[in-house]
Amino acid sequence: MSEKIVVYPISANPPTWGHADIMMRAAKHFEKVIWVAATNPKKSYMFTVEERLEMMQAYVDYYKLKNVEVCEFQGTVARFAEAKGAEFLLRGLRNSSDYQMELELSVGNRGISKEIETICLFAKPHFATISSTLIRELAVLNERIDQYVMPSIAKKILHKLHGDKAIL
Protein backbone atom coordinates (compact mmCIF):
# COMPACT_ATOMS: atom_id res chain seq x y z
CA MET A 1 0.00 0.00 0.00
CA SER A 2 1.32 3.45 -0.89
CA GLU A 3 1.97 6.21 1.59
CA LYS A 4 -1.11 8.38 2.22
CA ILE A 5 -0.12 11.97 1.51
CA VAL A 6 -2.29 15.05 1.95
CA VAL A 7 -1.54 18.57 0.74
CA TYR A 8 -2.84 21.35 2.99
CA PRO A 9 -2.48 24.68 1.18
CA ILE A 10 -3.08 27.93 3.04
CA SER A 11 -2.74 31.49 1.85
CA ALA A 12 -2.82 32.66 5.47
CA ASN A 13 -1.11 35.91 6.19
CA PRO A 14 -0.22 35.07 9.02
CA PRO A 15 -0.95 31.41 9.82
CA THR A 16 -3.08 31.07 12.96
CA TRP A 17 -3.62 28.56 15.75
CA GLY A 18 -6.67 27.46 13.72
CA HIS A 19 -4.54 26.62 10.66
CA ALA A 20 -2.02 24.86 12.88
CA ASP A 21 -4.76 22.83 14.57
CA ILE A 22 -6.04 21.55 11.21
CA MET A 23 -2.46 20.67 10.19
CA MET A 24 -1.79 18.88 13.49
CA ARG A 25 -5.03 16.90 13.32
CA ALA A 26 -4.28 15.86 9.74
CA ALA A 27 -0.83 14.66 10.82
CA LYS A 28 -2.55 12.08 13.03
CA HIS A 29 -4.36 10.54 10.05
CA PHE A 30 -1.85 10.72 7.20
CA GLU A 31 1.64 9.36 6.81
CA LYS A 32 2.70 12.71 5.34
CA VAL A 33 1.22 16.21 5.41
CA ILE A 34 2.60 18.77 2.99
CA TRP A 35 1.66 22.14 4.47
CA VAL A 36 1.91 24.65 1.67
CA ALA A 37 2.26 28.43 1.83
CA ALA A 38 0.19 29.06 -1.26
CA THR A 39 0.09 32.40 -3.01
CA ASN A 40 -3.29 33.75 -3.99
CA PRO A 41 -2.83 36.34 -6.77
CA LYS A 42 -6.00 38.12 -5.55
CA LYS A 43 -4.45 38.82 -2.12
CA SER A 44 -1.81 41.27 -1.03
CA TYR A 45 0.56 39.93 1.59
CA MET A 46 1.93 41.65 4.68
CA PHE A 47 4.49 38.86 5.11
CA THR A 48 6.92 37.41 2.60
CA VAL A 49 6.71 33.76 1.65
CA GLU A 50 9.86 33.18 3.70
CA GLU A 51 8.27 34.78 6.77
CA ARG A 52 5.09 32.74 6.33
CA LEU A 53 7.14 29.53 5.97
CA GLU A 54 9.07 30.38 9.13
CA MET A 55 5.81 30.91 11.03
CA MET A 56 4.34 27.66 9.72
CA GLN A 57 7.50 25.76 10.68
CA ALA A 58 7.23 27.18 14.21
CA TYR A 59 3.85 25.45 14.60
CA VAL A 60 5.23 22.17 13.22
CA ASP A 61 8.11 22.38 15.68
CA TYR A 62 5.73 23.26 18.53
CA TYR A 63 3.69 20.10 17.90
CA LYS A 64 6.93 18.09 17.30
CA LEU A 65 5.60 16.62 14.06
CA LYS A 66 8.01 14.57 11.97
CA ASN A 67 5.54 13.80 9.18
CA VAL A 68 4.84 17.40 8.15
CA GLU A 69 6.78 19.16 5.41
CA VAL A 70 6.43 22.92 5.01
CA CYS A 71 6.95 24.39 1.56
CA GLU A 72 5.68 27.05 -0.82
CA PHE A 73 4.01 26.81 -4.19
CA GLN A 74 2.48 29.05 -6.81
CA GLY A 75 0.02 27.65 -9.31
CA THR A 76 -2.77 25.11 -9.04
CA VAL A 77 -2.65 22.97 -5.93
CA ALA A 78 -4.11 20.00 -7.81
CA ARG A 79 -1.05 19.90 -10.09
CA PHE A 80 1.22 20.38 -7.08
CA ALA A 81 -0.50 17.49 -5.28
CA GLU A 82 -0.08 15.26 -8.34
CA ALA A 83 3.62 16.09 -8.53
CA LYS A 84 4.03 15.23 -4.83
CA GLY A 85 2.18 11.92 -5.16
CA ALA A 86 -0.66 13.09 -2.91
CA GLU A 87 -4.17 11.70 -3.24
CA PHE A 88 -5.85 14.35 -1.11
CA LEU A 89 -6.17 18.09 -0.71
CA LEU A 90 -7.12 19.22 2.78
CA ARG A 91 -9.23 22.28 3.51
CA GLY A 92 -10.35 23.74 6.82
CA LEU A 93 -13.91 24.95 7.29
CA ARG A 94 -14.91 27.61 9.83
CA ASN A 95 -18.39 28.50 8.60
CA SER A 96 -20.89 28.26 5.75
CA SER A 97 -19.05 30.93 3.74
CA ASP A 98 -15.90 28.79 3.84
CA TYR A 99 -17.99 25.78 2.79
CA GLN A 100 -19.32 27.53 -0.32
CA MET A 101 -15.88 28.76 -1.36
CA GLU A 102 -14.24 25.37 -0.73
CA LEU A 103 -16.98 23.55 -2.64
CA GLU A 104 -16.29 25.73 -5.68
CA LEU A 105 -12.54 25.23 -5.35
CA SER A 106 -12.97 21.46 -5.05
CA VAL A 107 -14.98 21.39 -8.28
CA GLY A 108 -12.23 23.34 -10.04
CA ASN A 109 -9.51 21.07 -8.65
CA ARG A 110 -11.51 17.99 -9.64
CA GLY A 111 -11.66 19.38 -13.19
CA ILE A 112 -7.86 19.62 -13.20
CA SER A 113 -7.23 16.18 -11.69
CA LYS A 114 -9.80 13.44 -11.27
CA GLU A 115 -7.34 11.56 -9.04
CA ILE A 116 -7.18 14.19 -6.29
CA GLU A 117 -9.91 14.18 -3.63
CA THR A 118 -10.66 17.23 -1.51
CA ILE A 119 -11.38 16.53 2.14
CA CYS A 120 -12.38 19.01 4.82
CA LEU A 121 -11.90 19.27 8.55
CA PHE A 122 -14.11 21.56 10.57
CA ALA A 123 -12.43 24.13 12.78
CA LYS A 124 -12.79 23.57 16.48
CA PRO A 125 -15.39 26.02 17.85
CA HIS A 126 -12.84 28.26 19.61
CA PHE A 127 -10.91 28.65 16.32
CA ALA A 128 -13.95 29.20 14.08
CA THR A 129 -13.90 32.99 14.36
CA ILE A 130 -10.16 33.49 13.98
CA SER A 131 -8.99 34.91 10.67
CA SER A 132 -5.71 36.25 9.40
CA THR A 133 -7.56 39.47 8.52
CA LEU A 134 -8.66 39.95 12.13
CA ILE A 135 -5.13 39.30 13.36
CA ARG A 136 -3.61 41.79 10.91
CA GLU A 137 -6.17 44.44 11.86
CA LEU A 138 -5.44 44.01 15.57
CA ALA A 139 -1.70 43.94 14.94
CA VAL A 140 -1.82 47.17 12.93
CA LEU A 141 -3.56 48.73 15.94
CA ASN A 142 -0.76 47.37 18.17
CA GLU A 143 -3.14 45.16 20.15
CA ARG A 144 -2.34 41.77 21.67
CA ILE A 145 -2.68 38.89 19.20
CA ASP A 146 -1.03 36.06 21.13
CA GLN A 147 -4.34 34.28 21.69
CA TYR A 148 -4.70 33.89 17.91
CA VAL A 149 -1.13 33.01 16.94
CA MET A 150 1.81 31.45 18.74
CA PRO A 151 3.29 34.04 21.17
CA SER A 152 6.70 34.03 19.42
CA ILE A 153 4.92 34.72 16.12
CA ALA A 154 2.85 37.48 17.73
CA LYS A 155 6.08 39.17 18.84
CA LYS A 156 7.53 38.98 15.32
CA ILE A 157 4.37 40.39 13.75
CA LEU A 158 4.05 43.26 16.21
CA HIS A 159 7.75 44.05 16.05
CA LYS A 160 7.64 44.11 12.24
CA LEU A 161 4.78 46.61 12.35
CA HIS A 162 5.73 48.74 15.35
CA GLY A 163 9.41 48.12 16.14
CA ASP A 164 10.30 49.07 19.71
CA LYS A 165 6.80 50.51 20.28
CA ALA A 166 5.17 47.08 19.88
CA ILE A 167 3.05 45.78 22.73
CA LEU A 168 4.89 42.64 23.77
C-alpha atoms as a PDB file:
ATOM      1  CA  MET A   1       0.000   0.000   0.000  1.00  0.00           C
ATOM      2  CA  SER A   2       1.319   3.455  -0.895  1.00  0.00           C
ATOM      3  CA  GLU A   3       1.968   6.210   1.592  1.00  0.00           C
ATOM      4  CA  LYS A   4      -1.107   8.382   2.215  1.00  0.00           C
ATOM      5  CA  ILE A   5      -0.120  11.967   1.507  1.00  0.00           C
ATOM      6  CA  VAL A   6      -2.292  15.055   1.952  1.00  0.00           C
ATOM      7  CA  VAL A   7      -1.535  18.566   0.744  1.00  0.00           C
ATOM      8  CA  TYR A   8      -2.843  21.347   2.992  1.00  0.00           C
ATOM      9  CA  PRO A   9      -2.483  24.681   1.180  1.00  0.00           C
ATOM     10  CA  ILE A  10      -3.076  27.927   3.039  1.00  0.00           C
ATOM     11  CA  SER A  11      -2.735  31.489   1.846  1.00  0.00           C
ATOM     12  CA  ALA A  12      -2.825  32.659   5.474  1.00  0.00           C
ATOM     13  CA  ASN A  13      -1.112  35.906   6.191  1.00  0.00           C
ATOM     14  CA  PRO A  14      -0.222  35.066   9.017  1.00  0.00           C
ATOM     15  CA  PRO A  15      -0.953  31.410   9.817  1.00  0.00           C
ATOM     16  CA  THR A  16      -3.078  31.074  12.955  1.00  0.00           C
ATOM     17  CA  TRP A  17      -3.620  28.557  15.751  1.00  0.00           C
ATOM     18  CA  GLY A  18      -6.665  27.462  13.719  1.00  0.00           C
ATOM     19  CA  HIS A  19      -4.539  26.620  10.658  1.00  0.00           C
ATOM     20  CA  ALA A  20      -2.022  24.859  12.880  1.00  0.00           C
ATOM     21  CA  ASP A  21      -4.759  22.828  14.565  1.00  0.00           C
ATOM     22  CA  ILE A  22      -6.045  21.547  11.212  1.00  0.00           C
ATOM     23  CA  MET A  23      -2.459  20.670  10.187  1.00  0.00           C
ATOM     24  CA  MET A  24      -1.788  18.879  13.494  1.00  0.00           C
ATOM     25  CA  ARG A  25      -5.031  16.896  13.320  1.00  0.00           C
ATOM     26  CA  ALA A  26      -4.277  15.858   9.736  1.00  0.00           C
ATOM     27  CA  ALA A  27      -0.826  14.658  10.819  1.00  0.00           C
ATOM     28  CA  LYS A  28      -2.550  12.082  13.030  1.00  0.00           C
ATOM     29  CA  HIS A  29      -4.365  10.540  10.049  1.00  0.00           C
ATOM     30  CA  PHE A  30      -1.855  10.716   7.199  1.00  0.00           C
ATOM     31  CA  GLU A  31       1.641   9.361   6.810  1.00  0.00           C
ATOM     32  CA  LYS A  32       2.697  12.706   5.342  1.00  0.00           C
ATOM     33  CA  VAL A  33       1.220  16.205   5.406  1.00  0.00           C
ATOM     34  CA  ILE A  34       2.600  18.769   2.991  1.00  0.00           C
ATOM     35  CA  TRP A  35       1.662  22.138   4.466  1.00  0.00           C
ATOM     36  CA  VAL A  36       1.909  24.650   1.671  1.00  0.00           C
ATOM     37  CA  ALA A  37       2.263  28.430   1.832  1.00  0.00           C
ATOM     38  CA  ALA A  38       0.187  29.063  -1.263  1.00  0.00           C
ATOM     39  CA  THR A  39       0.094  32.396  -3.014  1.00  0.00           C
ATOM     40  CA  ASN A  40      -3.291  33.749  -3.994  1.00  0.00           C
ATOM     41  CA  PRO A  41      -2.832  36.336  -6.772  1.00  0.00           C
ATOM     42  CA  LYS A  42      -5.997  38.125  -5.550  1.00  0.00           C
ATOM     43  CA  LYS A  43      -4.451  38.819  -2.120  1.00  0.00           C
ATOM     44  CA  SER A  44      -1.813  41.265  -1.032  1.00  0.00           C
ATOM     45  CA  TYR A  45       0.562  39.932   1.592  1.00  0.00           C
ATOM     46  CA  MET A  46       1.929  41.655   4.678  1.00  0.00           C
ATOM     47  CA  PHE A  47       4.489  38.862   5.114  1.00  0.00           C
ATOM     48  CA  THR A  48       6.919  37.413   2.603  1.00  0.00           C
ATOM     49  CA  VAL A  49       6.713  33.761   1.648  1.00  0.00           C
ATOM     50  CA  GLU A  50       9.861  33.181   3.701  1.00  0.00           C
ATOM     51  CA  GLU A  51       8.269  34.783   6.773  1.00  0.00           C
ATOM     52  CA  ARG A  52       5.094  32.738   6.325  1.00  0.00           C
ATOM     53  CA  LEU A  53       7.137  29.525   5.971  1.00  0.00           C
ATOM     54  CA  GLU A  54       9.069  30.379   9.128  1.00  0.00           C
ATOM     55  CA  MET A  55       5.811  30.911  11.029  1.00  0.00           C
ATOM     56  CA  MET A  56       4.344  27.657   9.718  1.00  0.00           C
ATOM     57  CA  GLN A  57       7.498  25.759  10.684  1.00  0.00           C
ATOM     58  CA  ALA A  58       7.234  27.178  14.210  1.00  0.00           C
ATOM     59  CA  TYR A  59       3.854  25.450  14.604  1.00  0.00           C
ATOM     60  CA  VAL A  60       5.228  22.172  13.222  1.00  0.00           C
ATOM     61  CA  ASP A  61       8.113  22.377  15.683  1.00  0.00           C
ATOM     62  CA  TYR A  62       5.729  23.259  18.535  1.00  0.00           C
ATOM     63  CA  TYR A  63       3.694  20.096  17.896  1.00  0.00           C
ATOM     64  CA  LYS A  64       6.929  18.093  17.301  1.00  0.00           C
ATOM     65  CA  LEU A  65       5.597  16.624  14.058  1.00  0.00           C
ATOM     66  CA  LYS A  66       8.013  14.571  11.971  1.00  0.00           C
ATOM     67  CA  ASN A  67       5.544  13.795   9.178  1.00  0.00           C
ATOM     68  CA  VAL A  68       4.841  17.402   8.154  1.00  0.00           C
ATOM     69  CA  GLU A  69       6.779  19.159   5.410  1.00  0.00           C
ATOM     70  CA  VAL A  70       6.432  22.924   5.010  1.00  0.00           C
ATOM     71  CA  CYS A  71       6.951  24.393   1.558  1.00  0.00           C
ATOM     72  CA  GLU A  72       5.682  27.054  -0.822  1.00  0.00           C
ATOM     73  CA  PHE A  73       4.011  26.810  -4.189  1.00  0.00           C
ATOM     74  CA  GLN A  74       2.484  29.046  -6.814  1.00  0.00           C
ATOM     75  CA  GLY A  75       0.015  27.650  -9.311  1.00  0.00           C
ATOM     76  CA  THR A  76      -2.766  25.114  -9.040  1.00  0.00           C
ATOM     77  CA  VAL A  77      -2.652  22.972  -5.935  1.00  0.00           C
ATOM     78  CA  ALA A  78      -4.112  20.000  -7.810  1.00  0.00           C
ATOM     79  CA  ARG A  79      -1.051  19.904 -10.091  1.00  0.00           C
ATOM     80  CA  PHE A  80       1.223  20.378  -7.076  1.00  0.00           C
ATOM     81  CA  ALA A  81      -0.505  17.489  -5.275  1.00  0.00           C
ATOM     82  CA  GLU A  82      -0.083  15.257  -8.343  1.00  0.00           C
ATOM     83  CA  ALA A  83       3.621  16.093  -8.530  1.00  0.00           C
ATOM     84  CA  LYS A  84       4.034  15.235  -4.835  1.00  0.00           C
ATOM     85  CA  GLY A  85       2.177  11.915  -5.158  1.00  0.00           C
ATOM     86  CA  ALA A  86      -0.660  13.095  -2.913  1.00  0.00           C
ATOM     87  CA  GLU A  87      -4.169  11.700  -3.238  1.00  0.00           C
ATOM     88  CA  PHE A  88      -5.851  14.345  -1.109  1.00  0.00           C
ATOM     89  CA  LEU A  89      -6.171  18.089  -0.709  1.00  0.00           C
ATOM     90  CA  LEU A  90      -7.118  19.224   2.781  1.00  0.00           C
ATOM     91  CA  ARG A  91      -9.226  22.276   3.515  1.00  0.00           C
ATOM     92  CA  GLY A  92     -10.346  23.743   6.820  1.00  0.00           C
ATOM     93  CA  LEU A  93     -13.915  24.951   7.292  1.00  0.00           C
ATOM     94  CA  ARG A  94     -14.911  27.609   9.829  1.00  0.00           C
ATOM     95  CA  ASN A  95     -18.389  28.498   8.597  1.00  0.00           C
ATOM     96  CA  SER A  96     -20.894  28.257   5.754  1.00  0.00           C
ATOM     97  CA  SER A  97     -19.053  30.925   3.735  1.00  0.00           C
ATOM     98  CA  ASP A  98     -15.904  28.787   3.841  1.00  0.00           C
ATOM     99  CA  TYR A  99     -17.986  25.780   2.791  1.00  0.00           C
ATOM    100  CA  GLN A 100     -19.319  27.532  -0.319  1.00  0.00           C
ATOM    101  CA  MET A 101     -15.876  28.756  -1.361  1.00  0.00           C
ATOM    102  CA  GLU A 102     -14.241  25.371  -0.729  1.00  0.00           C
ATOM    103  CA  LEU A 103     -16.981  23.554  -2.638  1.00  0.00           C
ATOM    104  CA  GLU A 104     -16.295  25.728  -5.676  1.00  0.00           C
ATOM    105  CA  LEU A 105     -12.537  25.226  -5.353  1.00  0.00           C
ATOM    106  CA  SER A 106     -12.971  21.456  -5.051  1.00  0.00           C
ATOM    107  CA  VAL A 107     -14.985  21.393  -8.279  1.00  0.00           C
ATOM    108  CA  GLY A 108     -12.233  23.336 -10.036  1.00  0.00           C
ATOM    109  CA  ASN A 109      -9.514  21.070  -8.646  1.00  0.00           C
ATOM    110  CA  ARG A 110     -11.506  17.994  -9.643  1.00  0.00           C
ATOM    111  CA  GLY A 111     -11.661  19.378 -13.185  1.00  0.00           C
ATOM    112  CA  ILE A 112      -7.865  19.616 -13.203  1.00  0.00           C
ATOM    113  CA  SER A 113      -7.227  16.180 -11.691  1.00  0.00           C
ATOM    114  CA  LYS A 114      -9.802  13.442 -11.272  1.00  0.00           C
ATOM    115  CA  GLU A 115      -7.338  11.562  -9.036  1.00  0.00           C
ATOM    116  CA  ILE A 116      -7.178  14.192  -6.293  1.00  0.00           C
ATOM    117  CA  GLU A 117      -9.909  14.175  -3.630  1.00  0.00           C
ATOM    118  CA  THR A 118     -10.656  17.232  -1.514  1.00  0.00           C
ATOM    119  CA  ILE A 119     -11.385  16.525   2.135  1.00  0.00           C
ATOM    120  CA  CYS A 120     -12.376  19.007   4.815  1.00  0.00           C
ATOM    121  CA  LEU A 121     -11.900  19.272   8.547  1.00  0.00           C
ATOM    122  CA  PHE A 122     -14.111  21.561  10.568  1.00  0.00           C
ATOM    123  CA  ALA A 123     -12.427  24.132  12.776  1.00  0.00           C
ATOM    124  CA  LYS A 124     -12.788  23.573  16.483  1.00  0.00           C
ATOM    125  CA  PRO A 125     -15.387  26.024  17.852  1.00  0.00           C
ATOM    126  CA  HIS A 126     -12.841  28.256  19.608  1.00  0.00           C
ATOM    127  CA  PHE A 127     -10.908  28.651  16.322  1.00  0.00           C
ATOM    128  CA  ALA A 128     -13.950  29.202  14.082  1.00  0.00           C
ATOM    129  CA  THR A 129     -13.900  32.987  14.360  1.00  0.00           C
ATOM    130  CA  ILE A 130     -10.156  33.495  13.985  1.00  0.00           C
ATOM    131  CA  SER A 131      -8.995  34.905  10.666  1.00  0.00           C
ATOM    132  CA  SER A 132      -5.706  36.254   9.396  1.00  0.00           C
ATOM    133  CA  THR A 133      -7.556  39.467   8.521  1.00  0.00           C
ATOM    134  CA  LEU A 134      -8.661  39.946  12.133  1.00  0.00           C
ATOM    135  CA  ILE A 135      -5.131  39.295  13.364  1.00  0.00           C
ATOM    136  CA  ARG A 136      -3.613  41.786  10.909  1.00  0.00           C
ATOM    137  CA  GLU A 137      -6.169  44.445  11.864  1.00  0.00           C
ATOM    138  CA  LEU A 138      -5.444  44.009  15.573  1.00  0.00           C
ATOM    139  CA  ALA A 139      -1.698  43.943  14.942  1.00  0.00           C
ATOM    140  CA  VAL A 140      -1.822  47.169  12.929  1.00  0.00           C
ATOM    141  CA  LEU A 141      -3.565  48.732  15.936  1.00  0.00           C
ATOM    142  CA  ASN A 142      -0.757  47.365  18.166  1.00  0.00           C
ATOM    143  CA  GLU A 143      -3.140  45.160  20.146  1.00  0.00           C
ATOM    144  CA  ARG A 144      -2.340  41.768  21.666  1.00  0.00           C
ATOM    145  CA  ILE A 145      -2.684  38.890  19.204  1.00  0.00           C
ATOM    146  CA  ASP A 146      -1.026  36.059  21.130  1.00  0.00           C
ATOM    147  CA  GLN A 147      -4.340  34.284  21.694  1.00  0.00           C
ATOM    148  CA  TYR A 148      -4.701  33.890  17.912  1.00  0.00           C
ATOM    149  CA  VAL A 149      -1.134  33.012  16.945  1.00  0.00           C
ATOM    150  CA  MET A 150       1.810  31.454  18.744  1.00  0.00           C
ATOM    151  CA  PRO A 151       3.294  34.041  21.167  1.00  0.00           C
ATOM    152  CA  SER A 152       6.699  34.026  19.423  1.00  0.00           C
ATOM    153  CA  ILE A 153       4.921  34.718  16.124  1.00  0.00           C
ATOM    154  CA  ALA A 154       2.851  37.483  17.729  1.00  0.00           C
ATOM    155  CA  LYS A 155       6.079  39.175  18.836  1.00  0.00           C
ATOM    156  CA  LYS A 156       7.533  38.976  15.320  1.00  0.00           C
ATOM    157  CA  ILE A 157       4.370  40.386  13.754  1.00  0.00           C
ATOM    158  CA  LEU A 158       4.046  43.261  16.209  1.00  0.00           C
ATOM    159  CA  HIS A 159       7.753  44.047  16.051  1.00  0.00           C
ATOM    160  CA  LYS A 160       7.637  44.113  12.237  1.00  0.00           C
ATOM    161  CA  LEU A 161       4.776  46.613  12.354  1.00  0.00           C
ATOM    162  CA  HIS A 162       5.726  48.737  15.351  1.00  0.00           C
ATOM    163  CA  GLY A 163       9.411  48.124  16.139  1.00  0.00           C
ATOM    164  CA  ASP A 164      10.302  49.065  19.710  1.00  0.00           C
ATOM    165  CA  LYS A 165       6.803  50.506  20.280  1.00  0.00           C
ATOM    166  CA  ALA A 166       5.167  47.079  19.879  1.00  0.00           C
ATOM    167  CA  ILE A 167       3.049  45.779  22.732  1.00  0.00           C
ATOM    168  CA  LEU A 168       4.890  42.637  23.769  1.00  0.00           C
END
